[in-house]
N, C-alpha and C. Protein backbone atom coordinates (compact mmCIF):
# COMPACT_ATOMS: atom_id res chain seq x y z
N MET A 1 -56.65 -31.60 15.64
CA MET A 1 -56.26 -32.66 15.16
C MET A 1 -55.52 -32.90 13.59
N MET A 2 -54.98 -32.93 13.00
CA MET A 2 -54.92 -33.13 11.47
C MET A 2 -55.41 -34.60 11.09
N PRO A 3 -56.51 -34.90 10.12
CA PRO A 3 -56.79 -36.26 9.84
C PRO A 3 -55.40 -37.13 9.65
N TRP A 4 -55.26 -38.53 9.75
CA TRP A 4 -54.29 -39.32 9.36
C TRP A 4 -54.38 -39.06 7.98
N ALA A 5 -55.54 -39.14 7.18
CA ALA A 5 -54.88 -39.29 5.75
C ALA A 5 -54.35 -38.10 4.92
N VAL A 6 -54.85 -36.71 5.47
CA VAL A 6 -53.77 -35.26 5.61
C VAL A 6 -53.24 -35.57 5.57
N LYS A 7 -52.26 -36.01 6.68
CA LYS A 7 -51.24 -35.76 7.02
C LYS A 7 -49.65 -36.37 5.97
N TYR A 8 -50.73 -37.87 5.88
CA TYR A 8 -49.42 -38.56 5.46
C TYR A 8 -50.33 -39.51 3.87
N GLY A 9 -50.86 -38.66 3.80
CA GLY A 9 -51.74 -38.48 2.34
C GLY A 9 -50.32 -38.17 1.05
N PRO A 10 -50.36 -38.82 -0.15
CA PRO A 10 -49.70 -38.45 -1.06
C PRO A 10 -49.75 -36.89 -0.98
N LEU A 11 -48.16 -36.60 -1.54
CA LEU A 11 -47.72 -34.73 -2.00
C LEU A 11 -49.01 -34.61 -3.21
N ALA A 12 -49.72 -33.34 -2.83
CA ALA A 12 -50.41 -32.65 -3.67
C ALA A 12 -49.73 -31.46 -4.32
N LEU A 13 -49.43 -31.31 -5.80
CA LEU A 13 -49.11 -29.91 -6.40
C LEU A 13 -49.48 -29.05 -7.30
N HIS A 14 -49.49 -28.36 -6.74
CA HIS A 14 -50.19 -27.29 -7.58
C HIS A 14 -50.41 -27.78 -9.29
N ALA A 15 -51.79 -27.20 -9.83
CA ALA A 15 -51.47 -28.13 -11.11
C ALA A 15 -50.81 -27.21 -12.07
N GLN A 16 -50.58 -26.05 -11.85
CA GLN A 16 -49.13 -25.42 -12.47
C GLN A 16 -48.05 -25.11 -11.67
N LEU A 17 -47.05 -25.58 -12.26
CA LEU A 17 -45.94 -25.70 -11.84
C LEU A 17 -44.82 -25.00 -12.68
N ASN A 18 -44.03 -23.86 -12.17
CA ASN A 18 -43.13 -22.98 -13.15
C ASN A 18 -42.33 -23.55 -14.00
N PRO A 19 -42.07 -23.20 -15.21
CA PRO A 19 -41.29 -24.31 -16.40
C PRO A 19 -39.64 -24.52 -15.68
N MET A 20 -38.93 -25.56 -16.14
CA MET A 20 -37.92 -25.59 -15.44
C MET A 20 -36.43 -25.19 -16.21
N PRO A 21 -35.86 -24.79 -15.63
CA PRO A 21 -34.53 -23.74 -17.37
C PRO A 21 -34.06 -24.72 -17.79
N ASP A 22 -33.92 -23.72 -18.45
CA ASP A 22 -33.34 -24.64 -20.34
C ASP A 22 -31.99 -25.34 -20.17
N HIS A 23 -31.67 -26.45 -20.23
CA HIS A 23 -30.31 -27.10 -20.14
C HIS A 23 -30.06 -27.11 -19.28
N TYR A 24 -30.66 -27.25 -17.73
CA TYR A 24 -30.61 -27.19 -16.60
C TYR A 24 -29.57 -29.07 -15.94
N LEU A 25 -29.91 -30.35 -16.73
CA LEU A 25 -29.53 -31.32 -16.08
C LEU A 25 -28.10 -31.24 -17.04
N LYS A 26 -27.62 -30.84 -17.62
CA LYS A 26 -26.18 -31.32 -18.12
C LYS A 26 -24.92 -29.90 -16.98
N LEU A 27 -25.52 -29.36 -16.29
CA LEU A 27 -24.92 -28.19 -15.44
C LEU A 27 -25.68 -28.77 -13.89
N LEU A 28 -26.47 -29.76 -13.01
CA LEU A 28 -26.56 -29.65 -12.22
C LEU A 28 -25.98 -30.73 -11.35
N PRO A 29 -25.36 -30.52 -9.88
CA PRO A 29 -24.80 -31.48 -9.03
C PRO A 29 -25.41 -31.93 -8.40
N THR A 30 -24.49 -33.58 -9.17
CA THR A 30 -25.30 -34.40 -8.11
C THR A 30 -24.58 -34.92 -6.57
N PHE A 31 -25.42 -35.33 -6.08
CA PHE A 31 -25.05 -35.90 -4.76
C PHE A 31 -25.25 -37.36 -5.23
N ASN A 32 -23.87 -37.97 -4.40
CA ASN A 32 -24.53 -40.11 -4.35
C ASN A 32 -23.46 -40.02 -2.81
N ALA A 33 -24.05 -41.15 -2.47
CA ALA A 33 -23.25 -41.49 -1.40
C ALA A 33 -22.08 -42.29 -1.29
N GLU A 34 -22.06 -42.34 -2.58
CA GLU A 34 -20.83 -43.03 -2.92
C GLU A 34 -19.18 -42.69 -3.73
N LYS A 35 -19.62 -41.15 -3.79
CA LYS A 35 -19.07 -40.35 -4.27
C LYS A 35 -17.97 -39.65 -2.88
N LYS A 36 -16.59 -38.58 -2.93
CA LYS A 36 -15.77 -38.51 -2.05
C LYS A 36 -16.64 -36.90 -1.94
N ARG A 37 -17.34 -36.74 -1.71
CA ARG A 37 -18.31 -35.23 -1.66
C ARG A 37 -18.98 -35.31 -0.89
N THR A 38 -19.05 -34.12 0.64
CA THR A 38 -19.49 -34.27 1.86
C THR A 38 -20.86 -33.51 1.09
N THR A 39 -21.70 -33.33 1.71
CA THR A 39 -22.89 -33.46 1.87
C THR A 39 -22.96 -31.59 2.30
N GLU A 40 -22.38 -31.21 2.47
CA GLU A 40 -22.05 -29.51 2.43
C GLU A 40 -21.61 -29.00 1.73
N ASP A 41 -20.54 -29.75 0.48
CA ASP A 41 -19.83 -29.57 -0.37
C ASP A 41 -20.68 -29.72 -1.93
N HIS A 42 -22.17 -30.50 -1.34
CA HIS A 42 -23.02 -30.64 -2.47
C HIS A 42 -24.69 -28.94 -2.51
N LEU A 43 -24.41 -28.90 -0.84
CA LEU A 43 -25.77 -27.88 -0.79
C LEU A 43 -25.05 -26.95 -1.24
N ASP A 44 -23.40 -26.71 -1.25
CA ASP A 44 -22.88 -24.96 -1.32
C ASP A 44 -22.69 -25.51 -3.13
N ALA A 45 -22.76 -26.34 -3.60
CA ALA A 45 -22.87 -26.77 -4.98
C ALA A 45 -23.64 -26.45 -5.79
N PHE A 46 -24.78 -26.55 -5.21
CA PHE A 46 -26.49 -26.40 -5.38
C PHE A 46 -26.50 -25.37 -5.71
N GLN A 47 -26.71 -24.18 -4.41
CA GLN A 47 -26.82 -22.92 -4.01
C GLN A 47 -26.88 -22.43 -5.58
N ASN A 48 -25.18 -22.66 -5.67
CA ASN A 48 -25.00 -22.08 -6.59
C ASN A 48 -25.08 -22.19 -7.88
N PHE A 49 -25.87 -22.99 -8.24
CA PHE A 49 -26.63 -23.65 -9.65
C PHE A 49 -27.98 -22.84 -9.13
N VAL A 50 -28.31 -22.92 -8.29
CA VAL A 50 -30.02 -22.25 -8.65
C VAL A 50 -29.20 -20.40 -8.75
N ASN A 51 -28.20 -20.05 -7.84
CA ASN A 51 -28.21 -18.85 -7.87
C ASN A 51 -27.86 -18.41 -9.73
N ASN A 52 -27.17 -18.90 -10.03
CA ASN A 52 -26.39 -18.81 -11.21
C ASN A 52 -27.79 -19.11 -12.32
N PHE A 53 -28.53 -19.92 -12.12
CA PHE A 53 -30.19 -19.50 -13.24
C PHE A 53 -31.15 -18.51 -12.79
N TYR A 54 -30.60 -18.37 -11.37
CA TYR A 54 -32.04 -17.11 -11.19
C TYR A 54 -33.48 -17.79 -10.75
N ILE A 55 -32.93 -19.17 -10.20
CA ILE A 55 -34.40 -20.09 -9.60
C ILE A 55 -34.96 -18.77 -8.63
N GLU A 56 -36.53 -18.26 -8.90
CA GLU A 56 -37.28 -17.69 -7.87
C GLU A 56 -38.35 -18.62 -7.19
N HIS A 57 -38.51 -19.85 -7.89
CA HIS A 57 -39.91 -20.52 -7.65
C HIS A 57 -39.43 -21.70 -6.89
N GLU A 58 -40.21 -21.38 -5.56
CA GLU A 58 -40.10 -23.30 -4.70
C GLU A 58 -40.55 -24.35 -5.68
N ASP A 59 -40.97 -24.49 -5.99
CA ASP A 59 -41.40 -25.18 -7.30
C ASP A 59 -40.33 -25.68 -7.60
N VAL A 60 -39.68 -24.80 -8.53
CA VAL A 60 -38.62 -25.36 -9.43
C VAL A 60 -37.11 -25.26 -8.42
N TYR A 61 -37.08 -24.97 -7.61
CA TYR A 61 -35.89 -25.17 -6.47
C TYR A 61 -36.20 -26.74 -5.97
N MET A 62 -37.36 -26.98 -5.27
CA MET A 62 -37.49 -28.11 -4.63
C MET A 62 -37.67 -29.05 -6.08
N ARG A 63 -37.83 -29.42 -7.30
CA ARG A 63 -38.09 -30.34 -7.94
C ARG A 63 -36.33 -30.30 -8.81
N LEU A 64 -35.90 -29.25 -8.86
CA LEU A 64 -34.27 -29.24 -9.23
C LEU A 64 -33.34 -30.34 -7.84
N PHE A 65 -33.79 -30.37 -6.88
CA PHE A 65 -33.12 -31.00 -5.77
C PHE A 65 -33.09 -32.29 -5.50
N VAL A 66 -34.34 -32.53 -5.96
CA VAL A 66 -34.46 -34.00 -6.48
C VAL A 66 -33.53 -34.70 -7.22
N GLN A 67 -33.76 -33.42 -7.78
CA GLN A 67 -33.05 -34.64 -9.02
C GLN A 67 -31.78 -34.21 -9.03
N SER A 68 -31.10 -33.63 -8.07
CA SER A 68 -29.72 -33.80 -7.64
C SER A 68 -29.51 -34.75 -6.58
N LEU A 69 -30.28 -35.19 -6.44
CA LEU A 69 -30.10 -36.82 -5.70
C LEU A 69 -29.61 -37.89 -6.53
N ASP A 70 -28.49 -38.36 -6.17
CA ASP A 70 -28.45 -39.84 -6.43
C ASP A 70 -28.41 -41.37 -6.43
N GLY A 71 -28.28 -42.46 -6.64
CA GLY A 71 -28.29 -43.90 -6.24
C GLY A 71 -29.37 -43.88 -4.51
N ASP A 72 -29.23 -44.17 -3.86
CA ASP A 72 -28.97 -44.68 -2.61
C ASP A 72 -29.76 -43.10 -1.54
N VAL A 73 -28.82 -42.36 -2.22
CA VAL A 73 -29.42 -41.03 -1.51
C VAL A 73 -31.03 -40.80 -1.86
N ARG A 74 -31.13 -40.85 -3.35
CA ARG A 74 -32.70 -40.50 -3.76
C ARG A 74 -33.47 -41.36 -3.30
N LYS A 75 -33.42 -42.99 -3.10
CA LYS A 75 -34.38 -44.14 -2.63
C LYS A 75 -34.33 -43.30 -1.34
N TRP A 76 -33.55 -42.67 -0.14
CA TRP A 76 -34.08 -42.62 0.89
C TRP A 76 -34.41 -41.71 1.30
N PHE A 77 -34.34 -40.39 -0.04
CA PHE A 77 -35.42 -39.00 0.04
C PHE A 77 -36.17 -39.65 -0.54
């Protein structure tokens, strides 16, 4: 069984993170519970964004996804 501190401890990221794409913030789709966009629409738009920027590294993908969330959705995540 996994010790409590390991299972519920803070997220440990590798020291060497891959670089984020240039000028991504202007084009990154965002999701906010107040907008009239469904989660499916946001995931489709986000996946298109990732494909257009040729994102291959999982650490970049996850950091971009977190940044695509806004407002109460980001707080929840």
